[in-house]
Amino acid sequence: MTTWVIKIGTSLLRGNDEYTTFDIINNYCSYISRAQKNGDKVILVSSGAVGLGCHKMSFKLRPKEIISLQASAAIGQLHLMALYEKAMSRFGYTVAQILLTRSELGSRNSYKSASQTLKKLIEWDVIPIVNENDITSNEELKYGDNDTLSALVATAISADQLILLTDIDHLYSSDPKTNSKARPIKDINNSKELNKLELANEQTTWGTGGIKTKLTAAKIATESGIKVQLADGRVPETLGDLLEGKRVGTVFHPHPNPIGNRKSWLAHAIKPVGEIYLDDGASEAITNKGASLLLVGVKKINGDFISNQPVKVLNTEGEEIAKGICSMSSDAIKIGINSTSSATGSPLVIHRDVLVLTNE
């Protein structure tokens, strides 16, 4: 049995002269149902609510204001789920709607709750349809296209594979639309290759929008031991090939030593509320010796936070080296830094169990 998370982008769901949006969804669902019947489990992360809402309202142009996009999503999400429910019911399957925001996944309790709910649904042989809750969150509307969300869902349920369906057949070394010498990339074998590709794409226009978020999603998933495949979803049969185990598009190979579910949550789901700057000795101890962070190694802090909130950890050059859950409030840390007490021992700021390195 293979547990799949499949992300379908908005551009793939737009109807055309040949196929309606329902035709496209129905084709995808036929392959998903076949995988289910073969004993696999599938979770679908689907964009498209805003586009369908705009279509329902007969808008000629996509609105630019966030509130109009959110209102369009409120209309379109209902239609989107109705199309998936109609399609999957033809193949004998029930669907469930899961609306999530990044801020919700930043709470450990909410993250665990979402994980347990998704696992229960696939245990019942139900197809969860996950989407960013655009009505209450504008993150996806401004940045995301659900790529990062699909990777977080994949890590939350310890999926075997993440499929990113998009409108290109591979990742390329540069934008193939503007560079005839752009070469397709068939394999990303390790984190070094992925980091190099991320850096290269940040320095060009090819690094904005959809490609950038897909690289981020691949990084999150592969760090957690999940294989990622990026492929052209404009031909629905591609999904059928992928679910049958065929090699299509670009393959991101999983890290041989996954960081684990909790560490992945710390690294990627939480939103830090403050910053802690370390001296060289503390940076070395955290980075290379597996140490917890003690107050004696803290030089300064930014932000106001209470205990048990997430923070960034930075070295003397201001580079982020870790994230973690701080066991002291910002006020307590400031008092400790300024204290002249010679008492033995140093208070614990971040325990190693809730600290994850982010510069590897």
Protein backbone atom coordinates (compact mmCIF):
# COMPACT_ATOMS: atom_id res chain seq x y z
CA MET A 1 0.00 0.00 0.00
CA THR A 2 1.24 3.47 -0.91
CA THR A 3 -0.06 6.66 0.69
CA TRP A 4 -0.10 9.48 -1.85
CA VAL A 5 -0.63 13.21 -1.50
CA ILE A 6 -1.53 14.77 -4.85
CA LYS A 7 -1.48 18.52 -5.40
CA ILE A 8 -3.43 19.89 -8.37
CA GLY A 9 -2.88 23.53 -9.35
CA THR A 10 -5.45 26.07 -10.41
CA SER A 11 -4.17 26.25 -13.99
CA LEU A 12 -4.96 22.56 -14.50
CA LEU A 13 -8.60 22.90 -13.50
CA ARG A 14 -9.56 25.66 -15.90
CA GLY A 15 -11.99 24.48 -18.53
CA ASN A 16 -11.33 24.92 -22.24
CA ASP A 17 -13.06 24.42 -25.58
CA GLU A 18 -12.56 20.66 -25.35
CA TYR A 19 -13.10 19.90 -21.65
CA THR A 20 -15.13 21.48 -18.87
CA THR A 21 -13.70 21.75 -15.36
CA PHE A 22 -15.87 18.79 -14.38
CA ASP A 23 -14.48 16.71 -17.25
CA ILE A 24 -10.95 17.44 -16.03
CA ILE A 25 -11.78 16.63 -12.40
CA ASN A 26 -13.61 13.49 -13.44
CA ASN A 27 -10.55 12.28 -15.36
CA TYR A 28 -8.29 12.83 -12.37
CA CYS A 29 -10.77 11.08 -10.07
CA SER A 30 -10.89 8.04 -12.34
CA TYR A 31 -7.18 7.43 -11.72
CA ILE A 32 -7.46 8.20 -8.01
CA SER A 33 -10.31 5.69 -7.65
CA ARG A 34 -8.27 3.06 -9.49
CA ALA A 35 -5.41 3.54 -7.03
CA GLN A 36 -7.83 3.27 -4.11
CA LYS A 37 -9.24 0.04 -5.48
CA ASN A 38 -5.69 -1.31 -5.70
CA GLY A 39 -5.26 -0.72 -1.98
CA ASP A 40 -3.49 2.66 -2.01
CA LYS A 41 -4.61 5.72 -0.04
CA VAL A 42 -4.93 9.16 -1.62
CA ILE A 43 -5.23 12.66 -0.20
CA LEU A 44 -5.89 15.42 -2.69
CA VAL A 45 -4.73 19.02 -2.20
CA SER A 46 -6.66 21.07 -4.71
CA SER A 47 -6.51 24.71 -5.66
CA GLY A 48 -9.16 26.30 -7.85
CA ALA A 49 -11.67 27.91 -5.47
CA VAL A 50 -10.89 31.49 -6.47
CA GLY A 51 -10.95 30.70 -10.19
CA LEU A 52 -14.27 28.89 -9.98
CA GLY A 53 -15.72 31.71 -7.88
CA CYS A 54 -14.67 34.28 -10.46
CA HIS A 55 -16.21 32.13 -13.18
CA LYS A 56 -19.48 31.84 -11.24
CA MET A 57 -19.58 35.63 -10.89
CA SER A 58 -18.74 36.10 -14.59
CA PHE A 59 -15.71 38.23 -13.78
CA LYS A 60 -13.65 38.99 -16.88
CA LEU A 61 -10.53 39.63 -14.77
CA ARG A 62 -9.33 38.11 -11.52
CA PRO A 63 -9.80 40.67 -8.70
CA LYS A 64 -6.69 42.20 -7.18
CA GLU A 65 -8.03 43.11 -3.74
CA ILE A 66 -7.56 40.45 -1.06
CA ILE A 67 -11.13 40.79 0.23
CA SER A 68 -12.54 40.24 -3.29
CA LEU A 69 -10.33 37.18 -3.72
CA GLN A 70 -11.53 35.82 -0.39
CA ALA A 71 -15.16 36.42 -1.35
CA SER A 72 -14.56 34.69 -4.68
CA ALA A 73 -13.00 31.75 -2.84
CA ALA A 74 -16.07 31.49 -0.58
CA ILE A 75 -18.24 31.08 -3.69
CA GLY A 76 -15.86 28.85 -5.58
CA GLN A 77 -15.01 26.44 -2.76
CA LEU A 78 -18.59 25.18 -2.60
CA HIS A 79 -18.61 24.61 -6.36
CA LEU A 80 -15.19 22.94 -6.28
CA MET A 81 -16.28 20.44 -3.65
CA ALA A 82 -19.53 19.74 -5.48
CA LEU A 83 -17.55 18.81 -8.61
CA TYR A 84 -15.24 16.50 -6.66
CA GLU A 85 -18.17 14.92 -4.79
CA LYS A 86 -20.04 14.30 -8.05
CA ALA A 87 -16.99 12.80 -9.74
CA MET A 88 -15.86 10.54 -6.89
CA SER A 89 -19.40 9.31 -6.22
CA ARG A 90 -19.45 7.96 -9.79
CA PHE A 91 -16.59 5.68 -8.77
CA GLY A 92 -18.15 4.72 -5.45
CA TYR A 93 -16.13 6.94 -3.10
CA THR A 94 -17.01 9.54 -0.49
CA VAL A 95 -15.06 12.79 -0.24
CA ALA A 96 -14.37 15.02 2.77
CA GLN A 97 -13.53 18.71 2.81
CA ILE A 98 -10.52 19.83 4.89
CA LEU A 99 -9.82 23.58 5.03
CA LEU A 100 -6.54 24.54 6.68
CA THR A 101 -4.42 27.63 7.22
CA ARG A 102 -0.68 27.86 7.80
CA SER A 103 -1.34 29.53 11.17
CA GLU A 104 -3.42 26.54 12.28
CA LEU A 105 -0.67 24.13 11.32
CA GLY A 106 1.72 26.30 13.34
CA SER A 107 -0.03 25.08 16.49
CA ARG A 108 1.27 21.67 17.56
CA ASN A 109 -2.17 20.62 18.82
CA SER A 110 -3.89 21.70 15.59
CA TYR A 111 -1.19 19.98 13.53
CA LYS A 112 -1.70 16.73 15.43
CA SER A 113 -5.48 17.06 15.18
CA ALA A 114 -5.32 17.56 11.41
CA SER A 115 -2.99 14.58 11.12
CA GLN A 116 -5.30 12.32 13.13
CA THR A 117 -8.39 13.43 11.19
CA LEU A 118 -6.74 12.82 7.82
CA LYS A 119 -5.50 9.40 8.91
CA LYS A 120 -8.97 8.43 10.14
CA LEU A 121 -10.57 9.50 6.84
CA ILE A 122 -8.19 7.44 4.71
CA GLU A 123 -8.67 4.55 7.12
CA TRP A 124 -12.38 4.81 6.25
CA ASP A 125 -11.48 4.79 2.52
CA VAL A 126 -12.68 8.39 2.17
CA ILE A 127 -10.87 10.81 -0.17
CA PRO A 128 -9.92 14.00 1.75
CA ILE A 129 -9.92 17.14 -0.42
CA VAL A 130 -7.63 19.69 1.23
CA ASN A 131 -7.45 23.38 0.41
CA GLU A 132 -6.07 26.49 2.04
CA ASN A 133 -8.85 28.30 3.89
CA ASP A 134 -8.71 31.38 1.65
CA ILE A 135 -11.74 32.91 3.34
CA THR A 136 -9.83 33.52 6.58
CA SER A 137 -6.21 33.48 5.39
CA ASN A 138 -4.60 35.55 2.66
CA GLU A 139 -1.23 33.72 2.66
CA GLU A 140 -2.12 31.35 -0.19
CA LEU A 141 -3.82 34.13 -2.11
CA LYS A 142 -0.62 36.17 -2.00
CA TYR A 143 2.09 33.52 -2.18
CA GLY A 144 1.28 29.88 -2.14
CA ASP A 145 -0.84 27.98 -4.64
CA ASN A 146 -1.07 25.22 -2.03
CA ASP A 147 2.38 23.77 -2.74
CA THR A 148 3.71 24.27 0.79
CA LEU A 149 0.41 23.11 2.24
CA SER A 150 0.61 19.85 0.28
CA ALA A 151 4.09 19.17 1.67
CA LEU A 152 2.95 19.89 5.23
CA VAL A 153 -0.01 17.54 4.75
CA ALA A 154 2.34 14.86 3.39
CA THR A 155 4.60 15.14 6.44
CA ALA A 156 1.66 15.25 8.85
CA ILE A 157 0.41 11.85 7.66
CA SER A 158 3.87 10.39 6.90
CA ALA A 159 2.95 9.90 3.23
CA ASP A 160 5.10 7.78 0.96
CA GLN A 161 4.97 10.10 -2.04
CA LEU A 162 3.95 13.64 -2.94
CA ILE A 163 2.90 14.40 -6.51
CA LEU A 164 2.98 18.02 -7.67
CA LEU A 165 0.92 18.31 -10.85
CA THR A 166 1.60 21.49 -12.77
CA ASP A 167 1.71 22.88 -16.32
CA ILE A 168 5.34 22.03 -17.13
CA ASP A 169 6.81 18.61 -17.86
CA HIS A 170 9.99 18.98 -15.74
CA LEU A 171 11.93 21.42 -13.69
CA TYR A 172 14.37 23.24 -15.93
CA SER A 173 17.78 24.78 -15.36
CA SER A 174 16.24 28.14 -16.36
CA ASP A 175 12.98 29.40 -17.82
CA PRO A 176 12.40 27.40 -21.03
CA LYS A 177 10.04 30.10 -22.28
CA THR A 178 12.89 32.61 -22.52
CA ASN A 179 16.00 30.44 -22.75
CA SER A 180 16.24 27.92 -25.57
CA LYS A 181 19.24 26.31 -23.84
CA ALA A 182 17.27 25.49 -20.70
CA ARG A 183 17.71 21.81 -19.91
CA PRO A 184 15.21 19.53 -18.18
CA ILE A 185 16.23 18.26 -14.75
CA LYS A 186 15.15 14.66 -14.22
CA ASP A 187 16.56 14.03 -10.75
CA ILE A 188 17.30 15.99 -7.60
CA ASN A 189 19.29 13.48 -5.59
CA ASN A 190 19.99 15.25 -2.31
CA SER A 191 19.55 18.41 -0.25
CA LYS A 192 22.73 20.00 -1.64
CA GLU A 193 21.41 19.78 -5.20
CA LEU A 194 18.05 21.14 -4.08
CA ASN A 195 19.62 24.03 -2.16
CA LYS A 196 21.79 24.88 -5.17
CA LEU A 197 18.74 24.88 -7.42
CA GLU A 198 16.84 27.09 -4.96
CA LEU A 199 19.71 29.59 -4.87
CA ALA A 200 20.00 29.65 -8.67
CA ASN A 201 16.28 30.24 -9.06
CA GLU A 202 16.22 33.03 -6.48
CA GLN A 203 18.63 34.96 -8.68
CA THR A 204 16.37 34.85 -11.75
CA THR A 205 12.74 35.54 -12.59
CA TRP A 206 12.40 31.76 -12.97
CA GLY A 207 12.59 31.62 -9.18
CA THR A 208 9.36 33.51 -8.51
CA GLY A 209 5.82 32.23 -8.23
CA GLY A 210 5.05 28.59 -8.91
CA ILE A 211 8.56 27.18 -9.32
CA LYS A 212 9.84 28.69 -6.09
CA THR A 213 6.99 27.30 -4.01
CA LYS A 214 7.37 23.87 -5.58
CA LEU A 215 11.04 23.78 -4.62
CA THR A 216 10.05 24.74 -1.08
CA ALA A 217 7.46 21.96 -1.01
CA ALA A 218 10.00 19.45 -2.30
CA LYS A 219 12.48 20.49 0.39
CA ILE A 220 9.92 20.05 3.17
CA ALA A 221 8.80 16.65 1.95
CA THR A 222 12.17 15.14 1.08
CA GLU A 223 13.64 16.17 4.45
CA SER A 224 10.90 14.03 5.97
CA GLY A 225 11.77 11.02 3.82
CA ILE A 226 9.01 11.52 1.25
CA LYS A 227 9.64 11.04 -2.46
CA VAL A 228 8.39 13.95 -4.58
CA GLN A 229 7.52 13.90 -8.28
CA LEU A 230 6.77 17.02 -10.30
CA ALA A 231 4.96 16.32 -13.55
CA ASP A 232 2.78 17.80 -16.26
CA GLY A 233 -0.85 17.41 -15.27
CA ARG A 234 -2.33 18.93 -18.41
CA VAL A 235 -2.70 15.38 -19.69
CA PRO A 236 -4.71 13.55 -16.99
CA GLU A 237 -3.20 10.20 -18.02
CA THR A 238 0.05 11.40 -16.42
CA LEU A 239 -1.53 10.98 -13.00
CA GLY A 240 -2.48 7.41 -13.88
CA ASP A 241 1.12 6.66 -14.86
CA LEU A 242 2.45 8.14 -11.63
CA LEU A 243 0.02 6.19 -9.46
CA GLU A 244 1.12 3.01 -11.24
CA GLY A 245 4.70 3.72 -10.18
CA LYS A 246 6.01 4.94 -13.50
CA ARG A 247 8.75 7.54 -13.66
CA VAL A 248 7.46 10.85 -15.03
CA GLY A 249 8.81 14.40 -14.84
CA THR A 250 11.32 15.44 -12.18
CA VAL A 251 11.98 13.18 -9.20
CA PHE A 252 13.14 14.61 -5.87
CA HIS A 253 14.68 11.74 -3.96
CA PRO A 254 14.00 11.52 -0.20
CA HIS A 255 16.65 12.19 2.42
CA PRO A 256 18.12 8.89 3.69
CA ASN A 257 17.93 10.15 7.30
CA PRO A 258 14.55 11.91 7.68
CA ILE A 259 14.23 14.56 10.37
CA GLY A 260 10.93 13.14 11.63
CA ASN A 261 7.42 14.51 11.95
CA ARG A 262 8.01 16.76 14.98
CA LYS A 263 11.25 18.24 13.64
CA SER A 264 9.57 18.86 10.27
CA TRP A 265 6.78 20.73 12.03
CA LEU A 266 9.33 22.84 13.90
CA ALA A 267 11.29 23.61 10.74
CA HIS A 268 8.44 24.39 8.37
CA ALA A 269 5.00 24.81 9.95
CA ILE A 270 5.62 27.18 12.84
CA LYS A 271 5.79 30.95 12.44
CA PRO A 272 8.44 32.41 14.77
CA VAL A 273 7.41 35.36 16.93
CA GLY A 274 10.88 36.44 17.99
CA GLU A 275 14.61 36.14 17.35
CA ILE A 276 17.46 35.00 19.59
CA TYR A 277 21.05 35.90 18.68
CA LEU A 278 23.87 33.65 19.91
CA ASP A 279 27.58 34.04 20.52
CA ASP A 280 30.04 31.90 18.57
CA GLY A 281 30.35 29.28 21.30
CA ALA A 282 26.61 28.66 21.53
CA SER A 283 26.27 28.58 17.73
CA GLU A 284 28.98 25.94 17.54
CA ALA A 285 27.42 23.88 20.34
CA ILE A 286 23.99 23.89 18.69
CA THR A 287 25.17 23.34 15.14
CA ASN A 288 27.85 20.70 15.66
CA LYS A 289 27.50 19.23 19.16
CA GLY A 290 23.77 18.54 19.47
CA ALA A 291 23.46 20.83 22.50
CA SER A 292 20.47 22.59 23.96
CA LEU A 293 20.54 26.39 24.13
CA LEU A 294 21.43 27.89 27.49
CA LEU A 295 21.01 31.52 28.52
CA VAL A 296 24.76 32.01 28.84
CA GLY A 297 25.09 31.74 25.03
CA VAL A 298 22.47 34.41 24.21
CA LYS A 299 23.76 37.84 23.12
CA LYS A 300 20.50 39.65 22.42
CA ILE A 301 16.88 39.10 21.36
CA ASN A 302 14.27 40.76 19.17
CA GLY A 303 10.52 40.61 19.70
CA ASP A 304 8.16 40.16 22.61
CA PHE A 305 7.07 36.61 23.41
CA ILE A 306 6.01 34.42 26.28
CA SER A 307 7.37 31.00 27.18
CA ASN A 308 6.58 28.05 24.88
CA GLN A 309 6.39 30.19 21.75
CA PRO A 310 8.44 29.58 18.57
CA VAL A 311 11.52 31.67 17.81
CA LYS A 312 14.32 31.90 15.25
CA VAL A 313 17.88 31.29 16.38
CA LEU A 314 20.61 33.33 14.65
CA ASN A 315 24.40 33.40 14.79
CA THR A 316 26.66 36.43 15.20
CA GLU A 317 26.38 37.20 11.46
CA GLY A 318 22.61 37.36 11.71
CA GLU A 319 22.12 34.12 9.77
CA GLU A 320 19.30 31.82 10.84
CA ILE A 321 20.69 28.51 12.08
CA ALA A 322 17.71 27.00 13.87
CA LYS A 323 14.12 27.31 15.06
CA GLY A 324 12.73 26.15 18.35
CA ILE A 325 10.21 26.48 21.14
CA CYS A 326 11.55 28.87 23.76
CA SER A 327 11.09 27.89 27.40
CA MET A 328 11.64 31.45 28.66
CA SER A 329 9.78 34.67 27.93
CA SER A 330 11.54 37.56 26.21
CA ASP A 331 11.39 39.57 29.43
CA ALA A 332 13.02 36.77 31.42
CA ILE A 333 15.79 36.43 28.83
CA LYS A 334 16.47 40.19 28.89
CA ILE A 335 16.71 40.15 32.67
CA GLY A 336 19.04 37.15 32.52
CA ILE A 337 21.31 38.74 29.91
CA ASN A 338 21.65 41.90 31.98
CA SER A 339 22.09 40.10 35.29
CA THR A 340 25.49 40.25 37.02
CA SER A 341 24.72 37.26 39.21
CA SER A 342 27.56 34.74 39.51
CA ALA A 343 25.28 31.88 40.47
CA THR A 344 26.36 28.55 39.04
CA GLY A 345 24.42 27.00 36.19
CA SER A 346 22.62 28.68 33.32
CA PRO A 347 18.87 28.54 32.63
CA LEU A 348 17.62 26.50 29.68
CA VAL A 349 16.30 28.64 26.82
CA ILE A 350 15.51 25.97 24.18
CA HIS A 351 15.74 22.23 24.83
CA ARG A 352 17.32 20.16 22.08
CA ASP A 353 14.13 18.10 21.66
CA VAL A 354 12.26 21.21 20.46
CA LEU A 355 15.11 22.67 18.42
CA VAL A 356 15.74 21.99 14.73
CA LEU A 357 18.63 23.15 12.57
CA THR A 358 17.53 25.05 9.48
CA ASN A 359 20.83 25.89 7.74
CA GLU A 360 21.87 22.36 6.71
